[in-house]
Amino acid sequence: MDPSRRQILPPHALPADSKAYLAACSPEERALVTLAIERLGSSYFMEKSHGYMAWKAKQGSSKK
């Protein structure tokens, strides 16, 4: 297959709290996540990213 004709599959559904995560990100982090979603498509899982997991852990500890 010609690499220039590679098809990027649509991204997976984002987690329910993805808007809250993106709102907590710096502008640079938000741009990087958006780029990953656009360029990596179905290969990108926001809920498995280091930034999301760290943010999620902070959310859990702050609720206690």
PDB file of N, CA and C in Angstrom:
ATOM      1  N   MET A   1       0.839  -1.186   0.000  1.00  0.00           N
ATOM      2  CA  MET A   1       0.000   0.000   0.000  1.00  0.00           C
ATOM      3  C   MET A   1       0.880   1.244   0.000  1.00  0.00           C
ATOM      4  N   ASP A   2       0.494   2.188  -0.778  1.00  0.00           N
ATOM      5  CA  ASP A   2       1.217   3.450  -0.888  1.00  0.00           C
ATOM      6  C   ASP A   2       1.062   4.239   0.416  1.00  0.00           C
ATOM      7  N   PRO A   3       2.165   4.557   1.130  1.00  0.00           N
ATOM      8  CA  PRO A   3       2.060   5.264   2.412  1.00  0.00           C
ATOM      9  C   PRO A   3       1.373   6.622   2.308  1.00  0.00           C
ATOM     10  N   SER A   4       1.429   7.255   1.154  1.00  0.00           N
ATOM     11  CA  SER A   4       0.784   8.560   1.014  1.00  0.00           C
ATOM     12  C   SER A   4      -0.734   8.427   0.976  1.00  0.00           C
ATOM     13  N   ARG A   5      -1.221   7.224   0.789  1.00  0.00           N
ATOM     14  CA  ARG A   5      -2.673   6.991   0.746  1.00  0.00           C
ATOM     15  C   ARG A   5      -3.193   6.350   2.019  1.00  0.00           C
ATOM     16  N   ARG A   6      -2.390   6.372   3.071  1.00  0.00           N
ATOM     17  CA  ARG A   6      -2.770   5.765   4.333  1.00  0.00           C
ATOM     18  C   ARG A   6      -4.021   6.428   4.892  1.00  0.00           C
ATOM     19  N   GLN A   7      -4.939   5.626   5.346  1.00  0.00           N
ATOM     20  CA  GLN A   7      -6.182   6.146   5.898  1.00  0.00           C
ATOM     21  C   GLN A   7      -6.099   6.127   7.417  1.00  0.00           C
ATOM     22  N   ILE A   8      -6.406   7.252   8.046  1.00  0.00           N
ATOM     23  CA  ILE A   8      -6.428   7.338   9.500  1.00  0.00           C
ATOM     24  C   ILE A   8      -7.860   7.106   9.950  1.00  0.00           C
ATOM     25  N   LEU A   9      -8.037   6.096  10.787  1.00  0.00           N
ATOM     26  CA  LEU A   9      -9.363   5.782  11.288  1.00  0.00           C
ATOM     27  C   LEU A   9      -9.784   6.823  12.314  1.00  0.00           C
ATOM     28  N   PRO A  10     -11.081   7.038  12.467  1.00  0.00           N
ATOM     29  CA  PRO A  10     -11.547   8.048  13.424  1.00  0.00           C
ATOM     30  C   PRO A  10     -11.138   7.699  14.850  1.00  0.00           C
ATOM     31  N   PRO A  11     -10.991   8.713  15.695  1.00  0.00           N
ATOM     32  CA  PRO A  11     -10.569   8.457  17.077  1.00  0.00           C
ATOM     33  C   PRO A  11     -11.638   7.704  17.865  1.00  0.00           C
ATOM     34  N   HIS A  12     -11.195   7.059  18.934  1.00  0.00           N
ATOM     35  CA  HIS A  12     -12.117   6.390  19.845  1.00  0.00           C
ATOM     36  C   HIS A  12     -12.919   7.456  20.589  1.00  0.00           C
ATOM     37  N   ALA A  13     -14.021   7.035  21.152  1.00  0.00           N
ATOM     38  CA  ALA A  13     -14.831   7.956  21.956  1.00  0.00           C
ATOM     39  C   ALA A  13     -14.000   8.441  23.141  1.00  0.00           C
ATOM     40  N   LEU A  14     -14.102   9.711  23.438  1.00  0.00           N
ATOM     41  CA  LEU A  14     -13.347  10.292  24.551  1.00  0.00           C
ATOM     42  C   LEU A  14     -14.056   9.973  25.860  1.00  0.00           C
ATOM     43  N   PRO A  15     -13.315   9.907  26.972  1.00  0.00           N
ATOM     44  CA  PRO A  15     -13.943   9.648  28.260  1.00  0.00           C
ATOM     45  C   PRO A  15     -14.938  10.755  28.611  1.00  0.00           C
ATOM     46  N   ALA A  16     -15.883  10.421  29.471  1.00  0.00           N
ATOM     47  CA  ALA A  16     -16.945  11.368  29.837  1.00  0.00           C
ATOM     48  C   ALA A  16     -16.391  12.660  30.434  1.00  0.00           C
ATOM     49  N   ASP A  17     -15.278  12.578  31.139  1.00  0.00           N
ATOM     50  CA  ASP A  17     -14.711  13.774  31.781  1.00  0.00           C
ATOM     51  C   ASP A  17     -13.599  14.424  30.954  1.00  0.00           C
ATOM     52  N   SER A  18     -13.574  14.159  29.662  1.00  0.00           N
ATOM     53  CA  SER A  18     -12.510  14.697  28.815  1.00  0.00           C
ATOM     54  C   SER A  18     -12.538  16.220  28.746  1.00  0.00           C
ATOM     55  N   LYS A  19     -13.720  16.821  28.769  1.00  0.00           N
ATOM     56  CA  LYS A  19     -13.795  18.295  28.730  1.00  0.00           C
ATOM     57  C   LYS A  19     -13.179  18.900  29.983  1.00  0.00           C
ATOM     58  N   ALA A  20     -13.425  18.279  31.136  1.00  0.00           N
ATOM     59  CA  ALA A  20     -12.838  18.775  32.385  1.00  0.00           C
ATOM     60  C   ALA A  20     -11.322  18.619  32.356  1.00  0.00           C
ATOM     61  N   TYR A  21     -10.844  17.506  31.814  1.00  0.00           N
ATOM     62  CA  TYR A  21      -9.393  17.292  31.707  1.00  0.00           C
ATOM     63  C   TYR A  21      -8.774  18.342  30.794  1.00  0.00           C
ATOM     64  N   LEU A  22      -9.367  18.567  29.641  1.00  0.00           N
ATOM     65  CA  LEU A  22      -8.808  19.546  28.700  1.00  0.00           C
ATOM     66  C   LEU A  22      -8.844  20.959  29.281  1.00  0.00           C
ATOM     67  N   ALA A  23      -9.882  21.269  30.067  1.00  0.00           N
ATOM     68  CA  ALA A  23      -9.965  22.584  30.698  1.00  0.00           C
ATOM     69  C   ALA A  23      -8.855  22.769  31.727  1.00  0.00           C
ATOM     70  N   ALA A  24      -8.416  21.675  32.349  1.00  0.00           N
ATOM     71  CA  ALA A  24      -7.355  21.751  33.355  1.00  0.00           C
ATOM     72  C   ALA A  24      -5.968  21.788  32.726  1.00  0.00           C
ATOM     73  N   CYS A  25      -5.857  21.465  31.462  1.00  0.00           N
ATOM     74  CA  CYS A  25      -4.554  21.436  30.775  1.00  0.00           C
ATOM     75  C   CYS A  25      -4.083  22.853  30.439  1.00  0.00           C
ATOM     76  N   SER A  26      -2.773  22.987  30.331  1.00  0.00           N
ATOM     77  CA  SER A  26      -2.207  24.250  29.846  1.00  0.00           C
ATOM     78  C   SER A  26      -2.505  24.346  28.348  1.00  0.00           C
ATOM     79  N   PRO A  27      -2.399  25.520  27.756  1.00  0.00           N
ATOM     80  CA  PRO A  27      -2.639  25.646  26.310  1.00  0.00           C
ATOM     81  C   PRO A  27      -1.737  24.725  25.481  1.00  0.00           C
ATOM     82  N   GLU A  28      -0.497  24.550  25.920  1.00  0.00           N
ATOM     83  CA  GLU A  28       0.426  23.673  25.193  1.00  0.00           C
ATOM     84  C   GLU A  28      -0.019  22.217  25.278  1.00  0.00           C
ATOM     85  N   GLU A  29      -0.419  21.786  26.478  1.00  0.00           N
ATOM     86  CA  GLU A  29      -0.886  20.406  26.658  1.00  0.00           C
ATOM     87  C   GLU A  29      -2.156  20.161  25.848  1.00  0.00           C
ATOM     88  N   ARG A  30      -3.053  21.134  25.866  1.00  0.00           N
ATOM     89  CA  ARG A  30      -4.313  21.011  25.113  1.00  0.00           C
ATOM     90  C   ARG A  30      -4.038  20.890  23.623  1.00  0.00           C
ATOM     91  N   ALA A  31      -3.090  21.679  23.121  1.00  0.00           N
ATOM     92  CA  ALA A  31      -2.736  21.606  21.702  1.00  0.00           C
ATOM     93  C   ALA A  31      -2.142  20.247  21.361  1.00  0.00           C
ATOM     94  N   LEU A  32      -1.335  19.709  22.269  1.00  0.00           N
ATOM     95  CA  LEU A  32      -0.721  18.402  22.041  1.00  0.00           C
ATOM     96  C   LEU A  32      -1.776  17.292  22.023  1.00  0.00           C
ATOM     97  N   VAL A  33      -2.716  17.332  22.949  1.00  0.00           N
ATOM     98  CA  VAL A  33      -3.782  16.325  22.986  1.00  0.00           C
ATOM     99  C   VAL A  33      -4.623  16.419  21.717  1.00  0.00           C
ATOM    100  N   THR A  34      -4.959  17.621  21.304  1.00  0.00           N
ATOM    101  CA  THR A  34      -5.750  17.816  20.086  1.00  0.00           C
ATOM    102  C   THR A  34      -5.001  17.286  18.868  1.00  0.00           C
ATOM    103  N   LEU A  35      -3.724  17.543  18.800  1.00  0.00           N
ATOM    104  CA  LEU A  35      -2.910  17.039  17.702  1.00  0.00           C
ATOM    105  C   LEU A  35      -2.872  15.510  17.706  1.00  0.00           C
ATOM    106  N   ALA A  36      -2.738  14.920  18.876  1.00  0.00           N
ATOM    107  CA  ALA A  36      -2.726  13.454  18.983  1.00  0.00           C
ATOM    108  C   ALA A  36      -4.044  12.866  18.501  1.00  0.00           C
ATOM    109  N   ILE A  37      -5.150  13.477  18.871  1.00  0.00           N
ATOM    110  CA  ILE A  37      -6.460  12.989  18.444  1.00  0.00           C
ATOM    111  C   ILE A  37      -6.588  13.083  16.924  1.00  0.00           C
ATOM    112  N   GLU A  38      -6.150  14.206  16.363  1.00  0.00           N
ATOM    113  CA  GLU A  38      -6.253  14.409  14.916  1.00  0.00           C
ATOM    114  C   GLU A  38      -5.334  13.490  14.126  1.00  0.00           C
ATOM    115  N   ARG A  39      -4.074  13.383  14.554  1.00  0.00           N
ATOM    116  CA  ARG A  39      -3.071  12.663  13.765  1.00  0.00           C
ATOM    117  C   ARG A  39      -3.033  11.164  14.023  1.00  0.00           C
ATOM    118  N   LEU A  40      -3.319  10.750  15.260  1.00  0.00           N
ATOM    119  CA  LEU A  40      -3.208   9.332  15.585  1.00  0.00           C
ATOM    120  C   LEU A  40      -4.519   8.575  15.418  1.00  0.00           C
ATOM    121  N   GLY A  41      -5.615   9.314  15.406  1.00  0.00           N
ATOM    122  CA  GLY A  41      -6.912   8.677  15.190  1.00  0.00           C
ATOM    123  C   GLY A  41      -7.188   7.571  16.191  1.00  0.00           C
ATOM    124  N   SER A  42      -7.511   6.387  15.692  1.00  0.00           N
ATOM    125  CA  SER A  42      -7.912   5.286  16.570  1.00  0.00           C
ATOM    126  C   SER A  42      -6.747   4.705  17.363  1.00  0.00           C
ATOM    127  N   SER A  43      -5.533   5.153  17.115  1.00  0.00           N
ATOM    128  CA  SER A  43      -4.381   4.669  17.877  1.00  0.00           C
ATOM    129  C   SER A  43      -4.202   5.443  19.186  1.00  0.00           C
ATOM    130  N   TYR A  44      -4.956   6.520  19.367  1.00  0.00           N
ATOM    131  CA  TYR A  44      -4.814   7.350  20.566  1.00  0.00           C
ATOM    132  C   TYR A  44      -5.950   7.071  21.532  1.00  0.00           C
ATOM    133  N   PHE A  45      -5.592   6.772  22.755  1.00  0.00           N
ATOM    134  CA  PHE A  45      -6.564   6.574  23.825  1.00  0.00           C
ATOM    135  C   PHE A  45      -6.259   7.608  24.901  1.00  0.00           C
ATOM    136  N   MET A  46      -7.096   8.627  25.023  1.00  0.00           N
ATOM    137  CA  MET A  46      -6.845   9.681  26.007  1.00  0.00           C
ATOM    138  C   MET A  46      -6.746   9.097  27.406  1.00  0.00           C
ATOM    139  N   GLU A  47      -7.616   8.148  27.747  1.00  0.00           N
ATOM    140  CA  GLU A  47      -7.638   7.613  29.106  1.00  0.00           C
ATOM    141  C   GLU A  47      -6.389   6.800  29.452  1.00  0.00           C
ATOM    142  N   LYS A  48      -5.559   6.482  28.466  1.00  0.00           N
ATOM    143  CA  LYS A  48      -4.314   5.763  28.716  1.00  0.00           C
ATOM    144  C   LYS A  48      -3.094   6.683  28.682  1.00  0.00           C
ATOM    145  N   SER A  49      -3.300   7.971  28.431  1.00  0.00           N
ATOM    146  CA  SER A  49      -2.173   8.904  28.366  1.00  0.00           C
ATOM    147  C   SER A  49      -1.690   9.242  29.780  1.00  0.00           C
ATOM    148  N   HIS A  50      -0.411   9.543  29.893  1.00  0.00           N
ATOM    149  CA  HIS A  50       0.175   9.857  31.194  1.00  0.00           C
ATOM    150  C   HIS A  50      -0.476  11.083  31.816  1.00  0.00           C
ATOM    151  N   GLY A  51      -0.719  12.097  31.003  1.00  0.00           N
ATOM    152  CA  GLY A  51      -1.326  13.318  31.521  1.00  0.00           C
ATOM    153  C   GLY A  51      -2.714  13.089  32.069  1.00  0.00           C
ATOM    154  N   TYR A  52      -3.520  12.323  31.349  1.00  0.00           N
ATOM    155  CA  TYR A  52      -4.894  12.048  31.801  1.00  0.00           C
ATOM    156  C   TYR A  52      -4.873  11.214  33.072  1.00  0.00           C
ATOM    157  N   MET A  53      -4.017  10.192  33.118  1.00  0.00           N
ATOM    158  CA  MET A  53      -3.980   9.329  34.306  1.00  0.00           C
ATOM    159  C   MET A  53      -3.517  10.109  35.534  1.00  0.00           C
ATOM    160  N   ALA A  54      -2.542  11.013  35.371  1.00  0.00           N
ATOM    161  CA  ALA A  54      -2.085  11.834  36.494  1.00  0.00           C
ATOM    162  C   ALA A  54      -3.194  12.778  36.943  1.00  0.00           C
ATOM    163  N   TRP A  55      -3.887  13.384  35.991  1.00  0.00           N
ATOM    164  CA  TRP A  55      -4.996  14.287  36.322  1.00  0.00           C
ATOM    165  C   TRP A  55      -6.101  13.528  37.046  1.00  0.00           C
ATOM    166  N   LYS A  56      -6.420  12.335  36.559  1.00  0.00           N
ATOM    167  CA  LYS A  56      -7.480  11.519  37.147  1.00  0.00           C
ATOM    168  C   LYS A  56      -7.116  11.127  38.581  1.00  0.00           C
ATOM    169  N   ALA A  57      -5.838  10.792  38.808  1.00  0.00           N
ATOM    170  CA  ALA A  57      -5.388  10.436  40.155  1.00  0.00           C
ATOM    171  C   ALA A  57      -5.528  11.630  41.102  1.00  0.00           C
ATOM    172  N   LYS A  58      -5.207  12.831  40.616  1.00  0.00           N
ATOM    173  CA  LYS A  58      -5.368  14.040  41.435  1.00  0.00           C
ATOM    174  C   LYS A  58      -6.838  14.277  41.753  1.00  0.00           C
ATOM    175  N   GLN A  59      -7.710  14.013  40.797  1.00  0.00           N
ATOM    176  CA  GLN A  59      -9.141  14.205  41.018  1.00  0.00           C
ATOM    177  C   GLN A  59      -9.644  13.267  42.103  1.00  0.00           C
ATOM    178  N   GLY A  60      -9.167  12.040  42.094  1.00  0.00           N
ATOM    179  CA  GLY A  60      -9.569  11.066  43.102  1.00  0.00           C
ATOM    180  C   GLY A  60      -9.076  11.427  44.486  1.00  0.00           C
ATOM    181  N   SER A  61      -7.850  11.933  44.579  1.00  0.00           N
ATOM    182  CA  SER A  61      -7.285  12.287  45.877  1.00  0.00           C
ATOM    183  C   SER A  61      -7.869  13.578  46.428  1.00  0.00           C
ATOM    184  N   SER A  62      -8.314  14.469  45.567  1.00  0.00           N
ATOM    185  CA  SER A  62      -8.876  15.741  46.041  1.00  0.00           C
ATOM    186  C   SER A  62     -10.315  15.588  46.521  1.00  0.00           C
ATOM    187  N   LYS A  63     -10.975  14.503  46.129  1.00  0.00           N
ATOM    188  CA  LYS A  63     -12.368  14.277  46.538  1.00  0.00           C
ATOM    189  C   LYS A  63     -12.458  13.670  47.931  1.00  0.00           C
ATOM    190  N   LYS A  64     -11.327  13.201  48.490  1.00  0.00           N
ATOM    191  CA  LYS A  64     -11.341  12.543  49.788  1.00  0.00           C
ATOM    192  C   LYS A  64     -11.355  13.534  50.904  1.00  0.00           C
TER     193      LYS A  64
END
